[in-house]
PDB file of all heavy atoms in Angstrom:
ATOM      1  N   ALA A   1     -32.551  67.697-241.611  1.00  0.00           N
ATOM      2  CA  ALA A   1     -33.044  67.626-242.988  1.00  0.00           C
ATOM      3  C   ALA A   1     -33.537  66.230-243.368  1.00  0.00           C
ATOM      4  O   ALA A   1     -34.107  66.056-244.440  1.00  0.00           O
ATOM      5  CB  ALA A   1     -31.938  68.059-243.950  1.00  0.00           C
ATOM      6  N   SER A   2     -33.323  65.259-242.485  1.00  0.00           N
ATOM      7  CA  SER A   2     -33.720  63.893-242.835  1.00  0.00           C
ATOM      8  C   SER A   2     -34.472  63.192-241.696  1.00  0.00           C
ATOM      9  O   SER A   2     -34.287  62.010-241.462  1.00  0.00           O
ATOM     10  CB  SER A   2     -32.493  63.078-243.225  1.00  0.00           C
ATOM     11  OG  SER A   2     -31.567  63.053-242.152  1.00  0.00           O
ATOM     12  N   LEU A   3     -35.334  63.932-241.021  1.00  0.00           N
ATOM     13  CA  LEU A   3     -36.114  63.345-239.933  1.00  0.00           C
ATOM     14  C   LEU A   3     -37.257  62.504-240.487  1.00  0.00           C
ATOM     15  O   LEU A   3     -37.976  62.934-241.395  1.00  0.00           O
ATOM     16  CB  LEU A   3     -36.703  64.451-239.048  1.00  0.00           C
ATOM     17  CG  LEU A   3     -35.708  65.326-238.296  1.00  0.00           C
ATOM     18  CD1 LEU A   3     -36.433  66.472-237.620  1.00  0.00           C
ATOM     19  CD2 LEU A   3     -34.933  64.508-237.294  1.00  0.00           C
ATOM     20  N   HIS A   4     -37.431  61.311-239.929  1.00  0.00           N
ATOM     21  CA  HIS A   4     -38.542  60.434-240.287  1.00  0.00           C
ATOM     22  C   HIS A   4     -38.946  59.637-239.059  1.00  0.00           C
ATOM     23  O   HIS A   4     -38.129  58.897-238.506  1.00  0.00           O
ATOM     24  CB  HIS A   4     -38.167  59.456-241.403  1.00  0.00           C
ATOM     25  CG  HIS A   4     -37.918  60.121-242.697  1.00  0.00           C
ATOM     26  ND1 HIS A   4     -36.654  60.443-243.132  1.00  0.00           N
ATOM     27  CD2 HIS A   4     -38.764  60.553-243.659  1.00  0.00           C
ATOM     28  CE1 HIS A   4     -36.733  61.041-244.303  1.00  0.00           C
ATOM     29  NE2 HIS A   4     -38.001  61.113-244.647  1.00  0.00           N
ATOM     30  N   GLY A   5     -40.182  59.784-238.659  1.00  0.00           N
ATOM     31  CA  GLY A   5     -40.671  59.015-237.528  1.00  0.00           C
ATOM     32  C   GLY A   5     -42.164  59.201-237.344  1.00  0.00           C
ATOM     33  O   GLY A   5     -42.743  60.188-237.804  1.00  0.00           O
ATOM     34  N   VAL A   6     -42.780  58.230-236.686  1.00  0.00           N
ATOM     35  CA  VAL A   6     -44.205  58.260-236.398  1.00  0.00           C
ATOM     36  C   VAL A   6     -44.394  57.843-234.948  1.00  0.00           C
ATOM     37  O   VAL A   6     -43.860  56.815-234.517  1.00  0.00           O
ATOM     38  CB  VAL A   6     -44.997  57.309-237.323  1.00  0.00           C
ATOM     39  CG1 VAL A   6     -46.474  57.314-236.975  1.00  0.00           C
ATOM     40  CG2 VAL A   6     -44.783  57.671-238.786  1.00  0.00           C
ATOM     41  N   GLN A   7     -45.130  58.644-234.209  1.00  0.00           N
ATOM     42  CA  GLN A   7     -45.519  58.308-232.834  1.00  0.00           C
ATOM     43  C   GLN A   7     -47.005  58.010-232.848  1.00  0.00           C
ATOM     44  O   GLN A   7     -47.794  58.807-233.360  1.00  0.00           O
ATOM     45  CB  GLN A   7     -45.208  59.468-231.898  1.00  0.00           C
ATOM     46  CG  GLN A   7     -45.614  59.193-230.463  1.00  0.00           C
ATOM     47  CD  GLN A   7     -45.178  60.318-229.554  1.00  0.00           C
ATOM     48  OE1 GLN A   7     -43.988  60.511-229.340  1.00  0.00           O
ATOM     49  NE2 GLN A   7     -46.136  61.051-229.035  1.00  0.00           N
ATOM     50  N   VAL A   8     -47.383  56.873-232.299  1.00  0.00           N
ATOM     51  CA  VAL A   8     -48.759  56.394-232.368  1.00  0.00           C
ATOM     52  C   VAL A   8     -49.338  56.265-230.973  1.00  0.00           C
ATOM     53  O   VAL A   8     -48.715  55.657-230.090  1.00  0.00           O
ATOM     54  CB  VAL A   8     -48.819  55.016-233.072  1.00  0.00           C
ATOM     55  CG1 VAL A   8     -50.242  54.491-233.122  1.00  0.00           C
ATOM     56  CG2 VAL A   8     -48.200  55.095-234.459  1.00  0.00           C
ATOM     57  N   THR A   9     -50.512  56.813-230.773  1.00  0.00           N
ATOM     58  CA  THR A   9     -51.278  56.596-229.553  1.00  0.00           C
ATOM     59  C   THR A   9     -52.418  55.666-229.928  1.00  0.00           C
ATOM     60  O   THR A   9     -53.089  55.879-230.936  1.00  0.00           O
ATOM     61  CB  THR A   9     -51.844  57.931-229.020  1.00  0.00           C
ATOM     62  OG1 THR A   9     -50.752  58.838-228.839  1.00  0.00           O
ATOM     63  CG2 THR A   9     -52.561  57.732-227.708  1.00  0.00           C
ATOM     64  N   GLY A  10     -52.606  54.623-229.145  1.00  0.00           N
ATOM     65  CA  GLY A  10     -53.648  53.671-229.491  1.00  0.00           C
ATOM     66  C   GLY A  10     -54.056  52.804-228.330  1.00  0.00           C
ATOM     67  O   GLY A  10     -53.719  53.063-227.174  1.00  0.00           O
ATOM     68  N   ARG A  11     -54.770  51.766-228.691  1.00  0.00           N
ATOM     69  CA  ARG A  11     -55.319  50.845-227.701  1.00  0.00           C
ATOM     70  C   ARG A  11     -54.880  49.425-228.072  1.00  0.00           C
ATOM     71  O   ARG A  11     -55.077  48.988-229.197  1.00  0.00           O
ATOM     72  CB  ARG A  11     -56.834  50.958-227.702  1.00  0.00           C
ATOM     73  CG  ARG A  11     -57.500  50.268-226.568  1.00  0.00           C
ATOM     74  CD  ARG A  11     -58.952  50.772-226.456  1.00  0.00           C
ATOM     75  NE  ARG A  11     -59.617  50.203-225.324  1.00  0.00           N
ATOM     76  CZ  ARG A  11     -59.542  50.667-224.082  1.00  0.00           C
ATOM     77  NH1 ARG A  11     -58.824  51.738-223.838  1.00  0.00           N
ATOM     78  NH2 ARG A  11     -60.187  50.078-223.099  1.00  0.00           N
ATOM     79  N   ALA A  12     -54.296  48.733-227.099  1.00  0.00           N
ATOM     80  CA  ALA A  12     -53.814  47.376-227.318  1.00  0.00           C
ATOM     81  C   ALA A  12     -54.888  46.361-226.947  1.00  0.00           C
ATOM     82  O   ALA A  12     -55.708  46.586-226.064  1.00  0.00           O
ATOM     83  CB  ALA A  12     -52.563  47.116-226.489  1.00  0.00           C
ATOM     84  N   GLU A  13     -54.827  45.258-227.649  1.00  0.00           N
ATOM     85  CA  GLU A  13     -55.729  44.141-227.389  1.00  0.00           C
ATOM     86  C   GLU A  13     -54.896  42.872-227.481  1.00  0.00           C
ATOM     87  O   GLU A  13     -54.053  42.742-228.371  1.00  0.00           O
ATOM     88  CB  GLU A  13     -56.830  44.162-228.453  1.00  0.00           C
ATOM     89  CG  GLU A  13     -57.525  42.875-228.681  1.00  0.00           C
ATOM     90  CD  GLU A  13     -58.427  42.881-229.909  1.00  0.00           C
ATOM     91  OE1 GLU A  13     -58.174  43.631-230.869  1.00  0.00           O
ATOM     92  OE2 GLU A  13     -59.371  42.105-229.898  1.00  0.00           O
ATOM     93  N   LEU A  14     -55.104  41.958-226.558  1.00  0.00           N
ATOM     94  CA  LEU A  14     -54.447  40.661-226.624  1.00  0.00           C
ATOM     95  C   LEU A  14     -55.348  39.731-227.421  1.00  0.00           C
ATOM     96  O   LEU A  14     -56.517  39.552-227.091  1.00  0.00           O
ATOM     97  CB  LEU A  14     -54.186  40.114-225.225  1.00  0.00           C
ATOM     98  CG  LEU A  14     -53.264  40.992-224.370  1.00  0.00           C
ATOM     99  CD1 LEU A  14     -53.131  40.427-222.969  1.00  0.00           C
ATOM    100  CD2 LEU A  14     -51.909  41.139-225.028  1.00  0.00           C
ATOM    101  N   VAL A  15     -54.797  39.178-228.485  1.00  0.00           N
ATOM    102  CA  VAL A  15     -55.564  38.327-229.389  1.00  0.00           C
ATOM    103  C   VAL A  15     -55.481  36.885-228.876  1.00  0.00           C
ATOM    104  O   VAL A  15     -54.383  36.363-228.631  1.00  0.00           O
ATOM    105  CB  VAL A  15     -55.023  38.431-230.830  1.00  0.00           C
ATOM    106  CG1 VAL A  15     -55.808  37.520-231.766  1.00  0.00           C
ATOM    107  CG2 VAL A  15     -55.074  39.884-231.308  1.00  0.00           C
ATOM    108  N   GLU A  16     -56.625  36.284-228.725  1.00  0.00           N
ATOM    109  CA  GLU A  16     -56.712  34.915-228.203  1.00  0.00           C
ATOM    110  C   GLU A  16     -55.888  33.956-229.076  1.00  0.00           C
ATOM    111  O   GLU A  16     -56.048  33.938-230.302  1.00  0.00           O
ATOM    112  CB  GLU A  16     -58.178  34.479-228.199  1.00  0.00           C
ATOM    113  CG  GLU A  16     -58.436  33.177-227.511  1.00  0.00           C
ATOM    114  CD  GLU A  16     -58.341  33.257-225.996  1.00  0.00           C
ATOM    115  OE1 GLU A  16     -58.571  34.340-225.422  1.00  0.00           O
ATOM    116  OE2 GLU A  16     -58.018  32.224-225.391  1.00  0.00           O
ATOM    117  N   PRO A  17     -55.000  33.153-228.443  1.00  0.00           N
ATOM    118  CA  PRO A  17     -54.213  32.199-229.224  1.00  0.00           C
ATOM    119  C   PRO A  17     -55.109  31.258-230.042  1.00  0.00           C
ATOM    120  O   PRO A  17     -56.123  30.761-229.548  1.00  0.00           O
ATOM    121  CB  PRO A  17     -53.430  31.422-228.161  1.00  0.00           C
ATOM    122  CG  PRO A  17     -53.322  32.380-227.019  1.00  0.00           C
ATOM    123  CD  PRO A  17     -54.632  33.143-227.030  1.00  0.00           C
ATOM    124  N   PHE A  18     -54.737  31.100-231.279  1.00  0.00           N
ATOM    125  CA  PHE A  18     -55.384  30.204-232.240  1.00  0.00           C
ATOM    126  C   PHE A  18     -56.800  30.625-232.629  1.00  0.00           C
ATOM    127  O   PHE A  18     -57.525  29.856-233.242  1.00  0.00           O
ATOM    128  CB  PHE A  18     -55.314  28.741-231.766  1.00  0.00           C
ATOM    129  CG  PHE A  18     -53.894  28.338-231.482  1.00  0.00           C
ATOM    130  CD1 PHE A  18     -53.427  28.234-230.184  1.00  0.00           C
ATOM    131  CD2 PHE A  18     -53.010  28.116-232.519  1.00  0.00           C
ATOM    132  CE1 PHE A  18     -52.105  27.913-229.922  1.00  0.00           C
ATOM    133  CE2 PHE A  18     -51.681  27.782-232.275  1.00  0.00           C
ATOM    134  CZ  PHE A  18     -51.228  27.684-230.970  1.00  0.00           C
ATOM    135  N   SER A  19     -57.156  31.862-232.310  1.00  0.00           N
ATOM    136  CA  SER A  19     -58.417  32.428-232.804  1.00  0.00           C
ATOM    137  C   SER A  19     -58.241  32.720-234.293  1.00  0.00           C
ATOM    138  O   SER A  19     -57.112  32.702-234.817  1.00  0.00           O
ATOM    139  CB  SER A  19     -58.742  33.713-232.052  1.00  0.00           C
ATOM    140  OG  SER A  19     -57.779  34.718-232.361  1.00  0.00           O
ATOM    141  N   PRO A  20     -59.327  33.008-235.019  1.00  0.00           N
ATOM    142  CA  PRO A  20     -59.180  33.325-236.441  1.00  0.00           C
ATOM    143  C   PRO A  20     -58.210  34.491-236.712  1.00  0.00           C
ATOM    144  O   PRO A  20     -57.395  34.413-237.635  1.00  0.00           O
ATOM    145  CB  PRO A  20     -60.605  33.654-236.881  1.00  0.00           C
ATOM    146  CG  PRO A  20     -61.460  32.832-235.965  1.00  0.00           C
ATOM    147  CD  PRO A  20     -60.738  32.872-234.635  1.00  0.00           C
ATOM    148  N   ALA A  21     -58.271  35.554-235.899  1.00  0.00           N
ATOM    149  CA  ALA A  21     -57.364  36.695-236.104  1.00  0.00           C
ATOM    150  C   ALA A  21     -55.916  36.287-235.831  1.00  0.00           C
ATOM    151  O   ALA A  21     -54.997  36.693-236.551  1.00  0.00           O
ATOM    152  CB  ALA A  21     -57.766  37.866-235.207  1.00  0.00           C
ATOM    153  N   TYR A  22     -55.701  35.484-234.807  1.00  0.00           N
ATOM    154  CA  TYR A  22     -54.364  35.000-234.453  1.00  0.00           C
ATOM    155  C   TYR A  22     -53.791  34.168-235.604  1.00  0.00           C
ATOM    156  O   TYR A  22     -52.652  34.378-236.038  1.00  0.00           O
ATOM    157  CB  TYR A  22     -54.473  34.172-233.177  1.00  0.00           C
ATOM    158  CG  TYR A  22     -53.176  33.649-232.614  1.00  0.00           C
ATOM    159  CD1 TYR A  22     -52.536  34.317-231.573  1.00  0.00           C
ATOM    160  CD2 TYR A  22     -52.608  32.470-233.065  1.00  0.00           C
ATOM    161  CE1 TYR A  22     -51.360  33.833-231.017  1.00  0.00           C
ATOM    162  CE2 TYR A  22     -51.437  31.968-232.520  1.00  0.00           C
ATOM    163  CZ  TYR A  22     -50.813  32.654-231.497  1.00  0.00           C
ATOM    164  OH  TYR A  22     -49.646  32.175-230.944  1.00  0.00           O
ATOM    165  N   LEU A  23     -54.589  33.238-236.096  1.00  0.00           N
ATOM    166  CA  LEU A  23     -54.117  32.367-237.177  1.00  0.00           C
ATOM    167  C   LEU A  23     -53.901  33.138-238.478  1.00  0.00           C
ATOM    168  O   LEU A  23     -52.969  32.843-239.228  1.00  0.00           O
ATOM    169  CB  LEU A  23     -55.093  31.212-237.374  1.00  0.00           C
ATOM    170  CG  LEU A  23     -55.131  30.207-236.214  1.00  0.00           C
ATOM    171  CD1 LEU A  23     -56.256  29.199-236.422  1.00  0.00           C
ATOM    172  CD2 LEU A  23     -53.782  29.510-236.033  1.00  0.00           C
ATOM    173  N   ALA A  24     -54.742  34.130-238.732  1.00  0.00           N
ATOM    174  CA  ALA A  24     -54.559  34.945-239.940  1.00  0.00           C
ATOM    175  C   ALA A  24     -53.242  35.713-239.868  1.00  0.00           C
ATOM    176  O   ALA A  24     -52.524  35.813-240.869  1.00  0.00           O
ATOM    177  CB  ALA A  24     -55.738  35.902-240.113  1.00  0.00           C
ATOM    178  N   HIS A  25     -52.918  36.253-238.687  1.00  0.00           N
ATOM    179  CA  HIS A  25     -51.640  36.966-238.578  1.00  0.00           C
ATOM    180  C   HIS A  25     -50.465  35.989-238.657  1.00  0.00           C
ATOM    181  O   HIS A  25     -49.433  36.305-239.265  1.00  0.00           O
ATOM    182  CB  HIS A  25     -51.560  37.800-237.301  1.00  0.00           C
ATOM    183  CG  HIS A  25     -50.275  38.550-237.218  1.00  0.00           C
ATOM    184  ND1 HIS A  25     -49.931  39.538-238.118  1.00  0.00           N
ATOM    185  CD2 HIS A  25     -49.202  38.410-236.401  1.00  0.00           C
ATOM    186  CE1 HIS A  25     -48.724  39.992-237.844  1.00  0.00           C
ATOM    187  NE2 HIS A  25     -48.259  39.317-236.804  1.00  0.00           N
ATOM    188  N   ALA A  26     -50.604  34.816-238.058  1.00  0.00           N
ATOM    189  CA  ALA A  26     -49.544  33.811-238.160  1.00  0.00           C
ATOM    190  C   ALA A  26     -49.289  33.470-239.631  1.00  0.00           C
ATOM    191  O   ALA A  26     -48.127  33.377-240.054  1.00  0.00           O
ATOM    192  CB  ALA A  26     -49.929  32.561-237.371  1.00  0.00           C
ATOM    193  N   GLU A  27     -50.354  33.329-240.393  1.00  0.00           N
ATOM    194  CA  GLU A  27     -50.200  33.040-241.824  1.00  0.00           C
ATOM    195  C   GLU A  27     -49.507  34.208-242.524  1.00  0.00           C
ATOM    196  O   GLU A  27     -48.625  34.007-243.366  1.00  0.00           O
ATOM    197  CB  GLU A  27     -51.572  32.783-242.450  1.00  0.00           C
ATOM    198  CG  GLU A  27     -51.495  32.384-243.908  1.00  0.00           C
ATOM    199  CD  GLU A  27     -52.858  32.070-244.505  1.00  0.00           C
ATOM    200  OE1 GLU A  27     -53.717  31.538-243.796  1.00  0.00           O
ATOM    201  OE2 GLU A  27     -53.048  32.390-245.707  1.00  0.00           O
ATOM    202  N   TYR A  28     -49.875  35.439-242.174  1.00  0.00           N
ATOM    203  CA  TYR A  28     -49.237  36.627-242.735  1.00  0.00           C
ATOM    204  C   TYR A  28     -47.723  36.594-242.473  1.00  0.00           C
ATOM    205  O   TYR A  28     -46.927  36.972-243.322  1.00  0.00           O
ATOM    206  CB  TYR A  28     -49.876  37.881-242.130  1.00  0.00           C
ATOM    207  CG  TYR A  28     -49.307  39.173-242.637  1.00  0.00           C
ATOM    208  CD1 TYR A  28     -49.831  39.789-243.769  1.00  0.00           C
ATOM    209  CD2 TYR A  28     -48.251  39.800-241.982  1.00  0.00           C
ATOM    210  CE1 TYR A  28     -49.309  40.989-244.242  1.00  0.00           C
ATOM    211  CE2 TYR A  28     -47.719  40.987-242.445  1.00  0.00           C
ATOM    212  CZ  TYR A  28     -48.253  41.582-243.577  1.00  0.00           C
ATOM    213  OH  TYR A  28     -47.730  42.762-244.037  1.00  0.00           O
ATOM    214  N   LYS A  29     -47.350  36.127-241.281  1.00  0.00           N
ATOM    215  CA  LYS A  29     -45.929  36.048-240.894  1.00  0.00           C
ATOM    216  C   LYS A  29     -45.276  34.737-241.357  1.00  0.00           C
ATOM    217  O   LYS A  29     -44.113  34.489-241.054  1.00  0.00           O
ATOM    218  CB  LYS A  29     -45.794  36.166-239.371  1.00  0.00           C
ATOM    219  CG  LYS A  29     -46.197  37.510-238.809  1.00  0.00           C
ATOM    220  CD  LYS A  29     -45.267  38.614-239.214  1.00  0.00           C
ATOM    221  CE  LYS A  29     -43.935  38.466-238.548  1.00  0.00           C
ATOM    222  NZ  LYS A  29     -42.967  39.480-238.947  1.00  0.00           N
ATOM    223  N   LYS A  30     -46.049  33.923-242.039  1.00  0.00           N
ATOM    224  CA  LYS A  30     -45.563  32.631-242.540  1.00  0.00           C
ATOM    225  C   LYS A  30     -45.152  31.690-241.399  1.00  0.00           C
ATOM    226  O   LYS A  30     -44.147  30.969-241.489  1.00  0.00           O
ATOM    227  CB  LYS A  30     -44.440  32.822-243.549  1.00  0.00           C
ATOM    228  CG  LYS A  30     -44.907  33.589-244.784  1.00  0.00           C
ATOM    229  CD  LYS A  30     -43.801  33.731-245.802  1.00  0.00           C
ATOM    230  CE  LYS A  30     -44.158  34.463-247.057  1.00  0.00           C
ATOM    231  NZ  LYS A  30     -45.327  35.219-247.193  1.00  0.00           N
ATOM    232  N   LEU A  31     -45.939  31.709-240.337  1.00  0.00           N
ATOM    233  CA  LEU A  31     -45.743  30.811-239.204  1.00  0.00           C
ATOM    234  C   LEU A  31     -46.883  29.793-239.219  1.00  0.00           C
ATOM    235  O   LEU A  31     -48.054  30.174-239.159  1.00  0.00           O
ATOM    236  CB  LEU A  31     -45.764  31.578-237.880  1.00  0.00           C
ATOM    237  CG  LEU A  31     -44.685  32.626-237.684  1.00  0.00           C
ATOM    238  CD1 LEU A  31     -44.941  33.435-236.427  1.00  0.00           C
ATOM    239  CD2 LEU A  31     -43.317  31.965-237.614  1.00  0.00           C
ATOM    240  N   SER A  32     -46.540  28.540-239.280  1.00  0.00           N
ATOM    241  CA  SER A  32     -47.589  27.518-239.348  1.00  0.00           C
ATOM    242  C   SER A  32     -48.204  27.288-237.969  1.00  0.00           C
ATOM    243  O   SER A  32     -47.560  27.490-236.930  1.00  0.00           O
ATOM    244  CB  SER A  32     -47.022  26.206-239.878  1.00  0.00           C
ATOM    245  OG  SER A  32     -46.195  25.602-238.901  1.00  0.00           O
TER     246      SER A  32
END
């Protein structure tokens, strides 16, 4: 009566260190 879960199929990508996307996520996580 209380099941909750999500299974995701997707595609992984390694984000280049210190690229704009990398730095944006670091900021999101509050990592300088």
